[in-house]
Amino acid sequence: MARPQKQTVDYFPHDANASNSKTLFILESKFGNDGYAFWFKLLELLAGASGHVYDCRNPRAWEFLQAKTHLNEETAQNILGLLVELDAIDGELLQERVIWGENLGKNVADVYKNRRTPPPTK
C-alpha cells in the first residue's frame, strides 16, 4: 500500500526583503503591523493545510483565523479583501469562504519537485 501524498509543507521562504514586496508593502501601509502579521500567519496556516487551502466555512475555522491573527472580523475581512485585490489570494474561492493562494505553491514548488508529486492546484 502506497503512502498518501503529502500536500503540506513545514517550511516556506520568508525572504529578508519580503517587506519590499507589493503585497506586504500595501498591507503594512493600510493596516500597520496587523497587516504584516496577518499575512505571515495566514501563510503559516496555508502551508500546514492539506492542499494549501484554509476552509473558513466552518465558523470555528473562521474564529480560529481571527484568534491566530489577533484581529476582529471586520479587519480580517478587510485584509482578505485587499489580498484579493492584490491577487495574493483567490477571490472566487474567498467568496465561498475558502482561502487559497497560488503564489505559496509557486514559492514551495521545489518541495513538490523533490517529492516527485505535483503541487496542489486550484
N, C-alpha and C. Protein backbone atom coordinates (compact mmCIF):
# COMPACT_ATOMS: atom_id res chain seq x y z
N MET A 1 0.84 -1.17 0.00
CA MET A 1 0.00 0.00 0.00
C MET A 1 0.89 1.25 0.00
N ALA A 2 0.66 2.12 -0.94
CA ALA A 2 1.46 3.34 -1.07
C ALA A 2 1.12 4.35 0.00
N ARG A 3 2.12 5.08 0.39
CA ARG A 3 1.92 6.15 1.36
C ARG A 3 1.17 7.29 0.68
N PRO A 4 0.21 7.91 1.37
CA PRO A 4 -0.51 9.04 0.77
C PRO A 4 0.44 10.19 0.47
N GLN A 5 0.16 10.91 -0.61
CA GLN A 5 0.99 12.04 -0.98
C GLN A 5 0.70 13.21 -0.05
N LYS A 6 1.75 13.73 0.54
CA LYS A 6 1.64 14.86 1.46
C LYS A 6 1.45 16.14 0.67
N GLN A 7 0.47 16.96 1.05
CA GLN A 7 0.23 18.24 0.39
C GLN A 7 0.31 19.38 1.39
N THR A 8 1.29 19.27 2.27
CA THR A 8 1.59 20.34 3.22
C THR A 8 3.10 20.56 3.19
N VAL A 9 3.54 21.67 3.72
CA VAL A 9 4.97 21.92 3.87
C VAL A 9 5.24 22.41 5.28
N ASP A 10 6.42 22.07 5.76
CA ASP A 10 6.82 22.51 7.10
C ASP A 10 7.57 23.84 7.05
N TYR A 11 7.85 24.29 5.85
CA TYR A 11 8.66 25.48 5.66
C TYR A 11 8.21 26.20 4.39
N PHE A 12 8.22 27.52 4.43
CA PHE A 12 8.06 28.32 3.22
C PHE A 12 9.03 29.49 3.33
N PRO A 13 9.53 30.00 2.20
CA PRO A 13 10.51 31.08 2.26
C PRO A 13 9.92 32.38 2.82
N HIS A 14 10.66 32.98 3.71
CA HIS A 14 10.36 34.32 4.19
C HIS A 14 11.61 35.14 3.91
N ASP A 15 11.65 35.69 2.73
CA ASP A 15 12.84 36.40 2.28
C ASP A 15 13.12 37.62 3.14
N ALA A 16 14.40 37.97 3.21
CA ALA A 16 14.82 39.12 4.01
C ALA A 16 14.23 40.42 3.48
N ASN A 17 13.90 40.45 2.20
CA ASN A 17 13.33 41.68 1.64
C ASN A 17 11.82 41.55 1.41
N ALA A 18 11.16 40.68 2.14
CA ALA A 18 9.72 40.46 1.97
C ALA A 18 8.92 41.76 2.16
N SER A 19 9.37 42.62 3.04
CA SER A 19 8.64 43.87 3.28
C SER A 19 8.63 44.80 2.07
N ASN A 20 9.49 44.53 1.11
CA ASN A 20 9.54 45.35 -0.10
C ASN A 20 8.59 44.83 -1.19
N SER A 21 7.98 43.69 -0.97
CA SER A 21 7.06 43.17 -1.98
C SER A 21 5.81 44.06 -2.02
N LYS A 22 5.19 44.12 -3.18
CA LYS A 22 3.99 44.96 -3.36
C LYS A 22 2.92 44.59 -2.32
N THR A 23 2.66 43.30 -2.18
CA THR A 23 1.60 42.85 -1.27
C THR A 23 1.86 43.31 0.15
N LEU A 24 3.02 43.00 0.65
CA LEU A 24 3.32 43.33 2.05
C LEU A 24 3.44 44.83 2.27
N PHE A 25 4.01 45.53 1.31
CA PHE A 25 4.15 46.98 1.45
C PHE A 25 2.78 47.64 1.57
N ILE A 26 1.84 47.23 0.74
CA ILE A 26 0.49 47.82 0.78
C ILE A 26 -0.23 47.39 2.05
N LEU A 27 -0.12 46.12 2.44
CA LEU A 27 -0.74 45.67 3.69
C LEU A 27 -0.26 46.48 4.88
N GLU A 28 1.05 46.67 4.96
CA GLU A 28 1.61 47.45 6.07
C GLU A 28 1.18 48.91 6.01
N SER A 29 1.08 49.45 4.81
CA SER A 29 0.67 50.85 4.67
C SER A 29 -0.75 51.06 5.17
N LYS A 30 -1.62 50.10 4.89
CA LYS A 30 -3.04 50.25 5.27
C LYS A 30 -3.35 49.74 6.67
N PHE A 31 -2.65 48.70 7.12
CA PHE A 31 -3.02 48.05 8.38
C PHE A 31 -1.88 47.99 9.39
N GLY A 32 -0.73 48.57 9.09
CA GLY A 32 0.40 48.55 10.01
C GLY A 32 0.88 47.13 10.26
N ASN A 33 1.35 46.91 11.49
CA ASN A 33 1.86 45.58 11.83
C ASN A 33 0.78 44.51 11.78
N ASP A 34 -0.48 44.90 11.95
CA ASP A 34 -1.57 43.93 11.84
C ASP A 34 -1.60 43.30 10.44
N GLY A 35 -1.36 44.10 9.41
CA GLY A 35 -1.34 43.59 8.05
C GLY A 35 -0.18 42.63 7.83
N TYR A 36 0.98 43.00 8.34
CA TYR A 36 2.18 42.16 8.23
C TYR A 36 1.94 40.83 8.92
N ALA A 37 1.51 40.89 10.17
CA ALA A 37 1.31 39.67 10.96
C ALA A 37 0.21 38.79 10.35
N PHE A 38 -0.87 39.41 9.90
CA PHE A 38 -1.96 38.63 9.31
C PHE A 38 -1.45 37.83 8.11
N TRP A 39 -0.70 38.49 7.23
CA TRP A 39 -0.22 37.83 6.02
C TRP A 39 0.65 36.62 6.34
N PHE A 40 1.62 36.78 7.23
CA PHE A 40 2.51 35.66 7.51
C PHE A 40 1.84 34.58 8.35
N LYS A 41 0.93 34.94 9.21
CA LYS A 41 0.19 33.91 9.95
C LYS A 41 -0.75 33.16 9.01
N LEU A 42 -1.31 33.85 8.04
CA LEU A 42 -2.15 33.19 7.03
C LEU A 42 -1.29 32.23 6.20
N LEU A 43 -0.11 32.67 5.79
CA LEU A 43 0.79 31.79 5.04
C LEU A 43 1.16 30.55 5.86
N GLU A 44 1.37 30.72 7.15
CA GLU A 44 1.66 29.57 8.02
C GLU A 44 0.49 28.58 8.01
N LEU A 45 -0.72 29.11 8.13
CA LEU A 45 -1.90 28.24 8.08
C LEU A 45 -2.00 27.51 6.75
N LEU A 46 -1.81 28.24 5.66
CA LEU A 46 -1.91 27.64 4.33
C LEU A 46 -0.81 26.60 4.11
N ALA A 47 0.39 26.88 4.57
CA ALA A 47 1.49 25.94 4.39
C ALA A 47 1.20 24.60 5.09
N GLY A 48 0.58 24.67 6.25
CA GLY A 48 0.30 23.47 7.03
C GLY A 48 -1.02 22.80 6.71
N ALA A 49 -1.81 23.41 5.83
CA ALA A 49 -3.12 22.86 5.49
C ALA A 49 -3.01 22.00 4.23
N SER A 50 -3.68 20.89 4.22
CA SER A 50 -3.65 20.00 3.07
C SER A 50 -4.12 20.74 1.82
N GLY A 51 -3.32 20.66 0.77
CA GLY A 51 -3.64 21.36 -0.47
C GLY A 51 -3.40 22.85 -0.40
N HIS A 52 -2.85 23.32 0.74
CA HIS A 52 -2.61 24.75 0.97
C HIS A 52 -3.90 25.56 0.85
N VAL A 53 -4.95 24.99 1.40
CA VAL A 53 -6.28 25.60 1.39
C VAL A 53 -6.76 25.73 2.83
N TYR A 54 -7.29 26.90 3.18
CA TYR A 54 -7.89 27.08 4.50
C TYR A 54 -9.37 27.34 4.32
N ASP A 55 -10.18 26.44 4.85
CA ASP A 55 -11.64 26.48 4.68
C ASP A 55 -12.28 27.18 5.88
N CYS A 56 -12.83 28.36 5.62
CA CYS A 56 -13.45 29.17 6.68
C CYS A 56 -14.97 28.99 6.73
N ARG A 57 -15.51 28.02 5.99
CA ARG A 57 -16.96 27.83 6.01
C ARG A 57 -17.43 27.36 7.38
N ASN A 58 -16.58 26.66 8.06
CA ASN A 58 -16.89 26.25 9.43
C ASN A 58 -16.65 27.46 10.35
N PRO A 59 -17.66 27.87 11.11
CA PRO A 59 -17.49 29.05 11.97
C PRO A 59 -16.29 28.95 12.92
N ARG A 60 -15.96 27.75 13.38
CA ARG A 60 -14.82 27.59 14.29
C ARG A 60 -13.51 27.86 13.56
N ALA A 61 -13.42 27.48 12.28
CA ALA A 61 -12.21 27.75 11.50
C ALA A 61 -12.05 29.25 11.29
N TRP A 62 -13.14 29.94 11.01
CA TRP A 62 -13.10 31.40 10.85
C TRP A 62 -12.70 32.05 12.17
N GLU A 63 -13.26 31.57 13.25
CA GLU A 63 -12.93 32.10 14.58
C GLU A 63 -11.45 31.84 14.89
N PHE A 64 -10.95 30.67 14.50
CA PHE A 64 -9.53 30.35 14.74
C PHE A 64 -8.62 31.31 13.97
N LEU A 65 -8.97 31.61 12.72
CA LEU A 65 -8.17 32.54 11.93
C LEU A 65 -8.11 33.90 12.62
N GLN A 66 -9.23 34.37 13.12
CA GLN A 66 -9.25 35.65 13.83
C GLN A 66 -8.42 35.59 15.11
N ALA A 67 -8.54 34.48 15.84
CA ALA A 67 -7.78 34.34 17.08
C ALA A 67 -6.28 34.25 16.80
N LYS A 68 -5.90 33.49 15.79
CA LYS A 68 -4.49 33.33 15.44
C LYS A 68 -3.87 34.66 15.03
N THR A 69 -4.63 35.48 14.33
CA THR A 69 -4.11 36.76 13.85
C THR A 69 -4.38 37.91 14.82
N HIS A 70 -5.13 37.64 15.89
CA HIS A 70 -5.46 38.66 16.90
C HIS A 70 -6.21 39.84 16.29
N LEU A 71 -7.09 39.54 15.33
CA LEU A 71 -7.86 40.59 14.68
C LEU A 71 -9.35 40.31 14.77
N ASN A 72 -10.14 41.38 14.75
CA ASN A 72 -11.58 41.21 14.75
C ASN A 72 -12.07 40.85 13.34
N GLU A 73 -13.32 40.48 13.25
CA GLU A 73 -13.88 40.01 11.98
C GLU A 73 -13.79 41.06 10.88
N GLU A 74 -14.12 42.28 11.20
CA GLU A 74 -14.12 43.34 10.18
C GLU A 74 -12.73 43.56 9.60
N THR A 75 -11.73 43.64 10.47
CA THR A 75 -10.36 43.86 9.99
C THR A 75 -9.87 42.67 9.18
N ALA A 76 -10.16 41.47 9.66
CA ALA A 76 -9.75 40.27 8.92
C ALA A 76 -10.39 40.25 7.53
N GLN A 77 -11.67 40.58 7.45
CA GLN A 77 -12.35 40.60 6.15
C GLN A 77 -11.77 41.70 5.25
N ASN A 78 -11.46 42.85 5.83
CA ASN A 78 -10.87 43.93 5.04
C ASN A 78 -9.51 43.54 4.48
N ILE A 79 -8.70 42.88 5.29
CA ILE A 79 -7.38 42.45 4.82
C ILE A 79 -7.54 41.38 3.73
N LEU A 80 -8.44 40.44 3.94
CA LEU A 80 -8.66 39.41 2.92
C LEU A 80 -9.14 40.03 1.61
N GLY A 81 -10.01 41.02 1.71
CA GLY A 81 -10.47 41.71 0.50
C GLY A 81 -9.33 42.38 -0.23
N LEU A 82 -8.44 43.01 0.52
CA LEU A 82 -7.28 43.65 -0.10
C LEU A 82 -6.36 42.60 -0.72
N LEU A 83 -6.20 41.47 -0.06
CA LEU A 83 -5.36 40.40 -0.62
C LEU A 83 -5.92 39.89 -1.95
N VAL A 84 -7.24 39.88 -2.07
CA VAL A 84 -7.86 39.51 -3.35
C VAL A 84 -7.52 40.55 -4.41
N GLU A 85 -7.67 41.84 -4.06
CA GLU A 85 -7.36 42.91 -5.00
C GLU A 85 -5.91 42.86 -5.46
N LEU A 86 -5.02 42.41 -4.58
CA LEU A 86 -3.60 42.33 -4.90
C LEU A 86 -3.22 41.01 -5.57
N ASP A 87 -4.21 40.17 -5.85
CA ASP A 87 -4.00 38.85 -6.44
C ASP A 87 -3.11 37.96 -5.59
N ALA A 88 -3.15 38.16 -4.30
CA ALA A 88 -2.37 37.32 -3.39
C ALA A 88 -3.15 36.07 -2.98
N ILE A 89 -4.48 36.16 -2.98
CA ILE A 89 -5.34 35.01 -2.74
C ILE A 89 -6.44 35.00 -3.79
N ASP A 90 -7.08 33.88 -3.95
CA ASP A 90 -8.10 33.70 -4.98
C ASP A 90 -9.44 34.29 -4.53
N GLY A 91 -9.95 35.25 -5.30
CA GLY A 91 -11.21 35.92 -4.97
C GLY A 91 -12.42 35.04 -5.14
N GLU A 92 -12.40 34.19 -6.17
CA GLU A 92 -13.52 33.28 -6.41
C GLU A 92 -13.73 32.34 -5.24
N LEU A 93 -12.64 31.76 -4.77
CA LEU A 93 -12.74 30.84 -3.64
C LEU A 93 -13.09 31.58 -2.35
N LEU A 94 -12.57 32.80 -2.20
CA LEU A 94 -12.87 33.55 -0.98
C LEU A 94 -14.36 33.84 -0.87
N GLN A 95 -15.04 34.02 -1.99
CA GLN A 95 -16.49 34.22 -1.96
C GLN A 95 -17.19 33.02 -1.32
N GLU A 96 -16.56 31.86 -1.41
CA GLU A 96 -17.10 30.64 -0.79
C GLU A 96 -16.50 30.42 0.60
N ARG A 97 -15.75 31.41 1.09
CA ARG A 97 -15.09 31.37 2.40
C ARG A 97 -13.98 30.32 2.45
N VAL A 98 -13.28 30.18 1.33
CA VAL A 98 -12.14 29.29 1.23
C VAL A 98 -10.95 30.14 0.80
N ILE A 99 -9.81 29.98 1.47
CA ILE A 99 -8.63 30.78 1.18
C ILE A 99 -7.58 29.90 0.52
N TRP A 100 -7.12 30.36 -0.64
CA TRP A 100 -6.07 29.67 -1.38
C TRP A 100 -5.24 30.69 -2.13
N GLY A 101 -3.93 30.56 -2.03
CA GLY A 101 -3.05 31.47 -2.73
C GLY A 101 -2.07 30.71 -3.61
N GLU A 102 -2.15 30.94 -4.89
CA GLU A 102 -1.29 30.24 -5.85
C GLU A 102 0.19 30.54 -5.62
N ASN A 103 0.49 31.75 -5.18
CA ASN A 103 1.89 32.13 -5.00
C ASN A 103 2.61 31.29 -3.95
N LEU A 104 1.91 30.85 -2.93
CA LEU A 104 2.55 29.98 -1.94
C LEU A 104 3.00 28.70 -2.62
N GLY A 105 2.15 28.13 -3.46
CA GLY A 105 2.52 26.92 -4.19
C GLY A 105 3.75 27.13 -5.05
N LYS A 106 3.83 28.30 -5.69
CA LYS A 106 5.00 28.61 -6.51
C LYS A 106 6.25 28.73 -5.65
N ASN A 107 6.10 29.31 -4.46
CA ASN A 107 7.25 29.50 -3.57
C ASN A 107 7.78 28.20 -2.98
N VAL A 108 6.96 27.18 -2.93
CA VAL A 108 7.40 25.90 -2.38
C VAL A 108 7.44 24.81 -3.45
N ALA A 109 7.48 25.21 -4.71
CA ALA A 109 7.45 24.24 -5.81
C ALA A 109 8.60 23.23 -5.74
N ASP A 110 9.77 23.67 -5.25
CA ASP A 110 10.90 22.74 -5.16
C ASP A 110 10.62 21.57 -4.22
N VAL A 111 9.83 21.82 -3.18
CA VAL A 111 9.47 20.74 -2.26
C VAL A 111 8.73 19.65 -3.02
N TYR A 112 7.78 20.06 -3.84
CA TYR A 112 6.99 19.09 -4.58
C TYR A 112 7.81 18.43 -5.68
N LYS A 113 8.76 19.17 -6.24
CA LYS A 113 9.65 18.58 -7.24
C LYS A 113 10.47 17.47 -6.59
N ASN A 114 10.97 17.73 -5.38
CA ASN A 114 11.75 16.72 -4.66
C ASN A 114 10.90 15.52 -4.27
N ARG A 115 9.63 15.75 -4.01
CA ARG A 115 8.72 14.65 -3.67
C ARG A 115 8.26 13.89 -4.91
N ARG A 116 8.54 14.47 -6.06
CA ARG A 116 8.10 13.92 -7.35
C ARG A 116 6.58 13.82 -7.43
N THR A 117 5.96 14.86 -6.88
CA THR A 117 4.49 14.97 -6.96
C THR A 117 4.15 16.39 -7.42
N PRO A 118 3.05 16.55 -8.09
CA PRO A 118 2.67 17.91 -8.50
C PRO A 118 2.21 18.73 -7.30
N PRO A 119 2.49 20.03 -7.32
CA PRO A 119 1.98 20.88 -6.22
C PRO A 119 0.47 20.98 -6.29
N PRO A 120 -0.17 21.30 -5.18
CA PRO A 120 -1.63 21.49 -5.19
C PRO A 120 -2.02 22.59 -6.16
N THR A 121 -3.16 22.43 -6.77
CA THR A 121 -3.69 23.42 -7.68
C THR A 121 -5.11 23.76 -7.27
N LYS A 122 -5.59 24.85 -7.81
CA LYS A 122 -6.95 25.29 -7.55
C LYS A 122 -7.90 24.26 -8.09
